[in-house]
Amino acid sequence: MTALTLPDGRPVPLMTGDERPMLESWLAFHRATLELKCAGLDDAQVRVASAEPSSLTLLGLVQHLAEVERNWFQRVAAGIDVPPVYGKGNGNGYVLDPERGMGEALAVWKREIARGEEVCAGLSLDDVGRIADGPMTGLEVSLRWAYVHMIEEYARHNGHADILRERIDGVIGA
């Protein structure tokens, strides 16, 4: 069966079928939604903050989600000891560097997605990893849990991206 896409190019998540392909399709949909929210903007626009006192930006969201991809799929699910993408001083990814634009951030984000997919390809949804740091250090989670959490993480941040994009240029929806 050919994958369906929305008019804006995003993949339609599976509505029937096996669990893992369904989870992966929902994650692909949310990843594509984030990329769509960032499309067609210049460097100044992707640095526009949402509303005071927040300093949240679209560029910061992409960097953050690169960190999140690395954390849950490489560190937790696959048990690989890798440093934060943007360094220890920017472990959540939100801090902006004047030299790093959206093109570079998207390339890094896509690299982290690809690496996560690669290291998790041989794992089952029931395989368990251990949270390495933060308030839940040491807890075990299944790859299934990591997928569900990542879908939730993207859905929440795509809501932020909706608000940011509307503030930047009035584009709404999707």
N, C-alpha and C. Protein backbone atom coordinates (compact mmCIF):
# COMPACT_ATOMS: atom_id res chain seq x y z
N MET A 1 0.84 -1.18 0.00
CA MET A 1 0.00 0.00 0.00
C MET A 1 0.89 1.25 0.00
N THR A 2 0.55 2.21 -0.80
CA THR A 2 1.29 3.46 -0.89
C THR A 2 0.94 4.35 0.30
N ALA A 3 1.95 4.98 0.87
CA ALA A 3 1.72 5.87 2.00
C ALA A 3 0.94 7.10 1.53
N LEU A 4 -0.03 7.49 2.34
CA LEU A 4 -0.83 8.67 2.03
C LEU A 4 -0.14 9.91 2.59
N THR A 5 -0.30 11.02 1.87
CA THR A 5 0.24 12.28 2.37
C THR A 5 -0.85 13.34 2.32
N LEU A 6 -0.72 14.30 3.21
CA LEU A 6 -1.61 15.45 3.22
C LEU A 6 -1.20 16.40 2.11
N PRO A 7 -2.06 17.33 1.71
CA PRO A 7 -1.69 18.28 0.66
C PRO A 7 -0.40 19.06 0.96
N ASP A 8 -0.07 19.24 2.24
CA ASP A 8 1.15 19.97 2.59
C ASP A 8 2.39 19.07 2.60
N GLY A 9 2.22 17.78 2.25
CA GLY A 9 3.34 16.86 2.14
C GLY A 9 3.59 15.98 3.35
N ARG A 10 2.92 16.26 4.46
CA ARG A 10 3.14 15.43 5.65
C ARG A 10 2.51 14.05 5.47
N PRO A 11 3.17 13.01 6.03
CA PRO A 11 2.61 11.66 5.92
C PRO A 11 1.40 11.50 6.84
N VAL A 12 0.39 10.83 6.33
CA VAL A 12 -0.78 10.52 7.15
C VAL A 12 -0.42 9.32 8.03
N PRO A 13 -0.58 9.44 9.35
CA PRO A 13 -0.27 8.30 10.22
C PRO A 13 -1.17 7.11 9.92
N LEU A 14 -0.62 5.91 10.11
CA LEU A 14 -1.40 4.70 9.89
C LEU A 14 -2.62 4.69 10.81
N MET A 15 -3.71 4.22 10.28
CA MET A 15 -4.95 4.15 11.06
C MET A 15 -5.30 2.72 11.43
N THR A 16 -4.63 1.77 10.81
CA THR A 16 -4.78 0.36 11.14
C THR A 16 -3.40 -0.29 11.00
N GLY A 17 -3.27 -1.47 11.56
CA GLY A 17 -2.02 -2.20 11.38
C GLY A 17 -1.31 -2.49 12.68
N ASP A 18 -0.09 -2.95 12.54
CA ASP A 18 0.71 -3.34 13.69
C ASP A 18 1.15 -2.13 14.50
N GLU A 19 1.44 -2.39 15.76
CA GLU A 19 1.74 -1.31 16.71
C GLU A 19 2.98 -0.50 16.35
N ARG A 20 4.09 -1.16 16.09
CA ARG A 20 5.32 -0.40 15.85
C ARG A 20 5.23 0.50 14.62
N PRO A 21 4.78 -0.02 13.48
CA PRO A 21 4.64 0.89 12.33
C PRO A 21 3.68 2.04 12.61
N MET A 22 2.65 1.78 13.41
CA MET A 22 1.71 2.86 13.75
C MET A 22 2.41 3.92 14.61
N LEU A 23 3.14 3.49 15.64
CA LEU A 23 3.88 4.44 16.47
C LEU A 23 4.88 5.23 15.63
N GLU A 24 5.61 4.53 14.78
CA GLU A 24 6.60 5.20 13.93
C GLU A 24 5.94 6.19 12.98
N SER A 25 4.76 5.86 12.48
CA SER A 25 4.08 6.77 11.55
C SER A 25 3.57 8.02 12.27
N TRP A 26 3.11 7.88 13.51
CA TRP A 26 2.70 9.06 14.27
C TRP A 26 3.89 9.95 14.60
N LEU A 27 5.02 9.33 14.90
CA LEU A 27 6.21 10.12 15.17
C LEU A 27 6.68 10.83 13.89
N ALA A 28 6.64 10.15 12.75
CA ALA A 28 7.00 10.77 11.47
C ALA A 28 6.08 11.95 11.15
N PHE A 29 4.80 11.80 11.43
CA PHE A 29 3.84 12.89 11.21
C PHE A 29 4.20 14.11 12.05
N HIS A 30 4.49 13.89 13.32
CA HIS A 30 4.82 15.02 14.19
C HIS A 30 6.16 15.65 13.84
N ARG A 31 7.12 14.85 13.43
CA ARG A 31 8.39 15.41 12.97
C ARG A 31 8.17 16.28 11.73
N ALA A 32 7.38 15.79 10.80
CA ALA A 32 7.09 16.56 9.58
C ALA A 32 6.32 17.84 9.90
N THR A 33 5.47 17.79 10.92
CA THR A 33 4.73 18.99 11.33
C THR A 33 5.69 20.05 11.85
N LEU A 34 6.65 19.65 12.66
CA LEU A 34 7.63 20.62 13.16
C LEU A 34 8.40 21.24 12.00
N GLU A 35 8.85 20.42 11.08
CA GLU A 35 9.60 20.94 9.94
C GLU A 35 8.75 21.91 9.12
N LEU A 36 7.49 21.58 8.93
CA LEU A 36 6.57 22.46 8.20
C LEU A 36 6.43 23.81 8.89
N LYS A 37 6.35 23.80 10.22
CA LYS A 37 6.21 25.05 10.98
C LYS A 37 7.42 25.96 10.81
N CYS A 38 8.56 25.39 10.47
CA CYS A 38 9.80 26.16 10.33
C CYS A 38 10.09 26.56 8.89
N ALA A 39 9.33 26.04 7.94
CA ALA A 39 9.62 26.25 6.52
C ALA A 39 9.40 27.70 6.09
N GLY A 40 10.29 28.17 5.25
CA GLY A 40 10.12 29.47 4.62
C GLY A 40 10.41 30.68 5.48
N LEU A 41 11.03 30.48 6.62
CA LEU A 41 11.33 31.60 7.52
C LEU A 41 12.82 31.94 7.44
N ASP A 42 13.13 33.21 7.64
CA ASP A 42 14.54 33.62 7.64
C ASP A 42 15.13 33.49 9.04
N ASP A 43 16.43 33.77 9.15
CA ASP A 43 17.13 33.58 10.42
C ASP A 43 16.55 34.43 11.54
N ALA A 44 16.19 35.64 11.24
CA ALA A 44 15.61 36.51 12.28
C ALA A 44 14.26 35.96 12.75
N GLN A 45 13.46 35.47 11.83
CA GLN A 45 12.13 34.97 12.20
C GLN A 45 12.20 33.74 13.10
N VAL A 46 13.12 32.82 12.84
CA VAL A 46 13.19 31.60 13.66
C VAL A 46 13.74 31.88 15.05
N ARG A 47 14.20 33.12 15.27
CA ARG A 47 14.72 33.55 16.58
C ARG A 47 13.71 34.41 17.35
N VAL A 48 12.53 34.62 16.78
CA VAL A 48 11.49 35.41 17.45
C VAL A 48 10.94 34.59 18.61
N ALA A 49 10.94 35.19 19.80
CA ALA A 49 10.43 34.51 21.00
C ALA A 49 8.91 34.57 21.02
N SER A 50 8.32 33.60 21.70
CA SER A 50 6.86 33.47 21.73
C SER A 50 6.19 34.67 22.38
N ALA A 51 6.43 34.89 23.64
CA ALA A 51 5.83 36.00 24.39
C ALA A 51 6.55 36.10 25.72
N GLU A 52 6.78 37.30 26.18
CA GLU A 52 7.45 37.47 27.47
C GLU A 52 6.68 36.78 28.56
N PRO A 53 7.32 36.18 29.51
CA PRO A 53 8.76 36.17 29.74
C PRO A 53 9.47 35.03 29.01
N SER A 54 8.77 34.25 28.24
CA SER A 54 9.38 33.09 27.57
C SER A 54 10.38 33.54 26.51
N SER A 55 11.45 32.77 26.39
CA SER A 55 12.43 33.00 25.33
C SER A 55 12.35 31.89 24.27
N LEU A 56 11.26 31.12 24.28
CA LEU A 56 11.08 30.00 23.36
C LEU A 56 11.02 30.49 21.91
N THR A 57 11.80 29.82 21.04
CA THR A 57 11.84 30.15 19.62
C THR A 57 11.71 28.87 18.80
N LEU A 58 11.40 29.02 17.51
CA LEU A 58 11.36 27.84 16.63
C LEU A 58 12.75 27.21 16.51
N LEU A 59 13.78 28.03 16.40
CA LEU A 59 15.14 27.49 16.34
C LEU A 59 15.47 26.72 17.61
N GLY A 60 15.10 27.26 18.76
CA GLY A 60 15.32 26.57 20.03
C GLY A 60 14.56 25.26 20.11
N LEU A 61 13.34 25.25 19.58
CA LEU A 61 12.56 24.00 19.58
C LEU A 61 13.23 22.92 18.75
N VAL A 62 13.73 23.27 17.57
CA VAL A 62 14.40 22.27 16.72
C VAL A 62 15.64 21.74 17.44
N GLN A 63 16.42 22.63 18.04
CA GLN A 63 17.61 22.19 18.77
C GLN A 63 17.21 21.31 19.94
N HIS A 64 16.18 21.70 20.68
CA HIS A 64 15.72 20.90 21.81
C HIS A 64 15.30 19.51 21.36
N LEU A 65 14.57 19.43 20.26
CA LEU A 65 14.09 18.13 19.82
C LEU A 65 15.23 17.27 19.27
N ALA A 66 16.31 17.86 18.80
CA ALA A 66 17.50 17.06 18.47
C ALA A 66 18.06 16.42 19.74
N GLU A 67 18.09 17.21 20.83
CA GLU A 67 18.55 16.67 22.12
C GLU A 67 17.62 15.56 22.61
N VAL A 68 16.33 15.77 22.47
CA VAL A 68 15.35 14.78 22.93
C VAL A 68 15.47 13.49 22.12
N GLU A 69 15.64 13.62 20.81
CA GLU A 69 15.83 12.43 19.96
C GLU A 69 17.05 11.64 20.44
N ARG A 70 18.17 12.36 20.67
CA ARG A 70 19.39 11.68 21.11
C ARG A 70 19.17 11.02 22.46
N ASN A 71 18.53 11.74 23.37
CA ASN A 71 18.36 11.21 24.72
C ASN A 71 17.54 9.93 24.73
N TRP A 72 16.33 9.98 24.20
CA TRP A 72 15.43 8.83 24.38
C TRP A 72 15.80 7.64 23.51
N PHE A 73 16.27 7.86 22.30
CA PHE A 73 16.56 6.71 21.45
C PHE A 73 17.99 6.21 21.57
N GLN A 74 18.96 7.10 21.68
CA GLN A 74 20.35 6.64 21.78
C GLN A 74 20.75 6.34 23.22
N ARG A 75 20.58 7.32 24.10
CA ARG A 75 21.02 7.12 25.50
C ARG A 75 20.15 6.09 26.22
N VAL A 76 18.85 6.32 26.21
CA VAL A 76 17.96 5.48 27.03
C VAL A 76 17.68 4.13 26.35
N ALA A 77 17.08 4.14 25.17
CA ALA A 77 16.67 2.88 24.55
C ALA A 77 17.86 2.01 24.17
N ALA A 78 18.89 2.62 23.56
CA ALA A 78 20.03 1.83 23.08
C ALA A 78 21.18 1.76 24.08
N GLY A 79 21.13 2.57 25.14
CA GLY A 79 22.16 2.52 26.16
C GLY A 79 23.52 3.04 25.74
N ILE A 80 23.53 3.96 24.79
CA ILE A 80 24.79 4.52 24.28
C ILE A 80 25.15 5.77 25.09
N ASP A 81 26.40 5.86 25.50
CA ASP A 81 26.87 7.02 26.27
C ASP A 81 27.33 8.10 25.29
N VAL A 82 26.43 9.02 24.97
CA VAL A 82 26.75 10.13 24.07
C VAL A 82 26.51 11.45 24.79
N PRO A 83 27.33 12.46 24.49
CA PRO A 83 27.16 13.76 25.15
C PRO A 83 25.97 14.51 24.58
N PRO A 84 25.55 15.58 25.24
CA PRO A 84 24.49 16.42 24.67
C PRO A 84 24.91 16.93 23.29
N VAL A 85 23.98 17.06 22.39
CA VAL A 85 24.23 17.50 21.03
C VAL A 85 24.93 18.86 21.02
N TYR A 86 24.43 19.79 21.81
CA TYR A 86 24.93 21.16 21.81
C TYR A 86 25.83 21.47 23.00
N GLY A 87 26.37 20.45 23.64
CA GLY A 87 27.30 20.64 24.73
C GLY A 87 26.64 20.65 26.09
N LYS A 88 27.46 20.42 27.12
CA LYS A 88 26.95 20.32 28.49
C LYS A 88 26.26 21.59 28.96
N GLY A 89 26.70 22.74 28.49
CA GLY A 89 26.07 24.00 28.90
C GLY A 89 24.74 24.25 28.23
N ASN A 90 24.36 23.39 27.29
CA ASN A 90 23.10 23.56 26.57
C ASN A 90 22.42 22.20 26.41
N GLY A 91 22.36 21.46 27.51
CA GLY A 91 21.82 20.11 27.48
C GLY A 91 20.36 20.00 27.07
N ASN A 92 19.61 21.09 27.20
CA ASN A 92 18.21 21.03 26.75
C ASN A 92 18.06 21.56 25.33
N GLY A 93 19.11 22.19 24.78
CA GLY A 93 19.10 22.63 23.39
C GLY A 93 18.50 23.99 23.13
N TYR A 94 17.91 24.62 24.11
CA TYR A 94 17.19 25.87 23.87
C TYR A 94 18.08 27.09 23.64
N VAL A 95 19.33 27.05 24.13
CA VAL A 95 20.20 28.22 24.01
C VAL A 95 20.63 28.40 22.56
N LEU A 96 20.45 29.60 22.03
CA LEU A 96 20.77 29.89 20.64
C LEU A 96 22.20 30.38 20.51
N ASP A 97 22.82 30.00 19.40
CA ASP A 97 24.16 30.44 19.04
C ASP A 97 24.00 31.36 17.83
N PRO A 98 24.55 32.56 17.87
CA PRO A 98 24.39 33.48 16.74
C PRO A 98 24.94 32.92 15.42
N GLU A 99 25.85 31.97 15.52
CA GLU A 99 26.46 31.38 14.32
C GLU A 99 25.66 30.20 13.76
N ARG A 100 24.70 29.68 14.50
CA ARG A 100 23.94 28.51 14.07
C ARG A 100 22.55 28.94 13.63
N GLY A 101 22.26 28.70 12.36
CA GLY A 101 20.94 29.03 11.83
C GLY A 101 20.06 27.80 11.72
N MET A 102 18.88 28.01 11.17
CA MET A 102 17.91 26.92 11.07
C MET A 102 18.40 25.80 10.15
N GLY A 103 19.09 26.13 9.07
CA GLY A 103 19.57 25.08 8.17
C GLY A 103 20.46 24.09 8.89
N GLU A 104 21.40 24.60 9.67
CA GLU A 104 22.29 23.73 10.43
C GLU A 104 21.53 22.96 11.50
N ALA A 105 20.64 23.65 12.21
CA ALA A 105 19.87 22.99 13.27
C ALA A 105 19.00 21.86 12.71
N LEU A 106 18.37 22.09 11.56
CA LEU A 106 17.55 21.04 10.95
C LEU A 106 18.42 19.86 10.51
N ALA A 107 19.60 20.13 9.99
CA ALA A 107 20.50 19.05 9.58
C ALA A 107 20.92 18.21 10.79
N VAL A 108 21.25 18.87 11.88
CA VAL A 108 21.62 18.15 13.12
C VAL A 108 20.43 17.33 13.61
N TRP A 109 19.25 17.94 13.64
CA TRP A 109 18.03 17.26 14.09
C TRP A 109 17.77 16.01 13.25
N LYS A 110 17.88 16.14 11.93
CA LYS A 110 17.66 15.00 11.04
C LYS A 110 18.71 13.91 11.25
N ARG A 111 19.95 14.33 11.53
CA ARG A 111 21.01 13.36 11.81
C ARG A 111 20.68 12.57 13.08
N GLU A 112 20.17 13.27 14.10
CA GLU A 112 19.81 12.59 15.35
C GLU A 112 18.64 11.64 15.14
N ILE A 113 17.68 12.04 14.33
CA ILE A 113 16.56 11.14 14.00
C ILE A 113 17.08 9.88 13.32
N ALA A 114 17.92 10.05 12.31
CA ALA A 114 18.45 8.90 11.56
C ALA A 114 19.25 7.98 12.47
N ARG A 115 20.08 8.55 13.33
CA ARG A 115 20.89 7.73 14.23
C ARG A 115 19.99 6.97 15.21
N GLY A 116 18.98 7.64 15.74
CA GLY A 116 18.05 6.97 16.64
C GLY A 116 17.32 5.82 15.96
N GLU A 117 16.88 6.05 14.73
CA GLU A 117 16.21 4.98 13.98
C GLU A 117 17.15 3.81 13.75
N GLU A 118 18.40 4.12 13.45
CA GLU A 118 19.40 3.08 13.20
C GLU A 118 19.64 2.23 14.44
N VAL A 119 19.86 2.86 15.59
CA VAL A 119 20.18 2.08 16.79
C VAL A 119 18.98 1.35 17.37
N CYS A 120 17.78 1.80 17.05
CA CYS A 120 16.58 1.13 17.58
C CYS A 120 16.00 0.10 16.62
N ALA A 121 16.50 0.05 15.40
CA ALA A 121 15.94 -0.86 14.39
C ALA A 121 15.93 -2.31 14.86
N GLY A 122 16.93 -2.73 15.58
CA GLY A 122 17.00 -4.12 16.02
C GLY A 122 16.36 -4.39 17.36
N LEU A 123 15.79 -3.37 17.97
CA LEU A 123 15.15 -3.53 19.28
C LEU A 123 13.66 -3.82 19.13
N SER A 124 13.12 -4.54 20.09
CA SER A 124 11.67 -4.75 20.10
C SER A 124 11.02 -3.68 20.98
N LEU A 125 9.74 -3.50 20.83
CA LEU A 125 9.03 -2.52 21.66
C LEU A 125 9.11 -2.88 23.14
N ASP A 126 9.36 -4.14 23.45
CA ASP A 126 9.44 -4.58 24.84
C ASP A 126 10.85 -4.45 25.43
N ASP A 127 11.85 -4.16 24.59
CA ASP A 127 13.21 -3.99 25.12
C ASP A 127 13.22 -2.80 26.07
N VAL A 128 14.06 -2.92 27.11
CA VAL A 128 14.07 -1.93 28.18
C VAL A 128 15.41 -1.21 28.24
N GLY A 129 15.33 0.09 28.44
CA GLY A 129 16.52 0.90 28.67
C GLY A 129 16.37 1.61 30.00
N ARG A 130 17.42 2.27 30.42
CA ARG A 130 17.43 2.92 31.73
C ARG A 130 17.67 4.42 31.55
N ILE A 131 16.88 5.23 32.24
CA ILE A 131 17.04 6.67 32.21
C ILE A 131 18.34 7.02 32.93
N ALA A 132 19.20 7.78 32.24
CA ALA A 132 20.56 8.02 32.73
C ALA A 132 20.68 9.23 33.64
N ASP A 133 19.79 10.20 33.51
CA ASP A 133 19.93 11.41 34.34
C ASP A 133 18.58 12.09 34.52
N GLY A 134 18.59 13.13 35.33
CA GLY A 134 17.35 13.86 35.59
C GLY A 134 16.59 13.29 36.76
N PRO A 135 15.36 13.76 36.96
CA PRO A 135 14.59 13.35 38.15
C PRO A 135 14.16 11.89 38.14
N MET A 136 14.25 11.23 36.99
CA MET A 136 13.84 9.82 36.92
C MET A 136 15.05 8.89 36.72
N THR A 137 16.24 9.36 37.07
CA THR A 137 17.47 8.58 36.89
C THR A 137 17.30 7.17 37.44
N GLY A 138 17.69 6.20 36.61
CA GLY A 138 17.68 4.81 37.04
C GLY A 138 16.42 4.05 36.69
N LEU A 139 15.33 4.75 36.40
CA LEU A 139 14.10 4.04 36.06
C LEU A 139 14.23 3.37 34.70
N GLU A 140 13.59 2.21 34.59
CA GLU A 140 13.58 1.49 33.33
C GLU A 140 12.33 1.86 32.54
N VAL A 141 12.52 1.99 31.22
CA VAL A 141 11.39 2.24 30.31
C VAL A 141 11.56 1.37 29.08
N SER A 142 10.45 0.96 28.52
CA SER A 142 10.50 0.15 27.30
C SER A 142 10.65 1.07 26.09
N LEU A 143 11.06 0.49 24.98
CA LEU A 143 11.10 1.26 23.74
C LEU A 143 9.69 1.74 23.38
N ARG A 144 8.69 0.94 23.68
CA ARG A 144 7.30 1.35 23.46
C ARG A 144 7.02 2.66 24.20
N TRP A 145 7.41 2.73 25.48
CA TRP A 145 7.21 3.92 26.29
C TRP A 145 7.94 5.11 25.65
N ALA A 146 9.17 4.88 25.16
CA ALA A 146 9.93 5.96 24.53
C ALA A 146 9.21 6.49 23.30
N TYR A 147 8.64 5.60 22.48
CA TYR A 147 7.87 6.06 21.31
C TYR A 147 6.66 6.90 21.74
N VAL A 148 5.91 6.40 22.70
CA VAL A 148 4.73 7.14 23.15
C VAL A 148 5.15 8.49 23.72
N HIS A 149 6.21 8.50 24.52
CA HIS A 149 6.70 9.76 25.08
C HIS A 149 7.13 10.73 23.98
N MET A 150 7.82 10.24 22.97
CA MET A 150 8.28 11.10 21.88
C MET A 150 7.11 11.68 21.09
N ILE A 151 6.08 10.89 20.87
CA ILE A 151 4.88 11.40 20.19
C ILE A 151 4.27 12.52 21.02
N GLU A 152 4.17 12.30 22.33
CA GLU A 152 3.64 13.32 23.24
C GLU A 152 4.53 14.56 23.24
N GLU A 153 5.83 14.37 23.26
CA GLU A 153 6.78 15.49 23.28
C GLU A 153 6.63 16.35 22.03
N TYR A 154 6.58 15.70 20.88
CA TYR A 154 6.40 16.45 19.63
C TYR A 154 5.03 17.12 19.57
N ALA A 155 3.99 16.44 19.99
CA ALA A 155 2.65 17.04 19.95
C ALA A 155 2.61 18.31 20.80
N ARG A 156 3.20 18.25 21.99
CA ARG A 156 3.22 19.42 22.87
C ARG A 156 4.02 20.55 22.23
N HIS A 157 5.21 20.23 21.73
CA HIS A 157 6.05 21.28 21.14
C HIS A 157 5.52 21.76 19.80
N ASN A 158 4.78 20.94 19.09
CA ASN A 158 4.15 21.44 17.86
C ASN A 158 3.06 22.45 18.18
N GLY A 159 2.42 22.32 19.32
CA GLY A 159 1.48 23.36 19.78
C GLY A 159 2.22 24.67 20.01
N HIS A 160 3.40 24.58 20.63
CA HIS A 160 4.22 25.78 20.81
C HIS A 160 4.61 26.35 19.45
N ALA A 161 5.00 25.48 18.52
CA ALA A 161 5.41 25.93 17.19
C ALA A 161 4.25 26.61 16.47
N ASP A 162 3.01 26.12 16.67
CA ASP A 162 1.83 26.78 16.08
C ASP A 162 1.75 28.24 16.54
N ILE A 163 1.90 28.44 17.84
CA ILE A 163 1.80 29.79 18.40
C ILE A 163 2.94 30.66 17.90
N LEU A 164 4.15 30.12 17.89
CA LEU A 164 5.29 30.88 17.40
C LEU A 164 5.10 31.28 15.94
N ARG A 165 4.69 30.35 15.11
CA ARG A 165 4.53 30.66 13.68
C ARG A 165 3.45 31.71 13.46
N GLU A 166 2.36 31.60 14.20
CA GLU A 166 1.30 32.61 14.06
C GLU A 166 1.82 33.99 14.48
N ARG A 167 2.62 34.04 15.53
CA ARG A 167 3.20 35.31 15.98
C ARG A 167 4.15 35.88 14.93
N ILE A 168 4.91 35.02 14.27
CA ILE A 168 5.92 35.46 13.31
C ILE A 168 5.29 36.04 12.05
N ASP A 169 4.39 35.27 11.43
CA ASP A 169 3.86 35.74 10.14
C ASP A 169 2.37 35.48 9.91
N GLY A 170 1.67 35.09 10.98
CA GLY A 170 0.23 34.91 10.86
C GLY A 170 -0.21 33.58 10.31
N VAL A 171 0.72 32.70 9.93
CA VAL A 171 0.36 31.38 9.39
C VAL A 171 -0.21 30.54 10.52
N ILE A 172 -1.39 29.97 10.27
CA ILE A 172 -2.05 29.14 11.26
C ILE A 172 -2.41 27.79 10.66
N GLY A 173 -2.76 26.86 11.53
CA GLY A 173 -3.25 25.56 11.08
C GLY A 173 -2.15 24.52 11.02
N ALA A 174 -2.56 23.35 10.57
CA ALA A 174 -1.69 22.18 10.41
C ALA A 174 -1.18 21.76 11.73
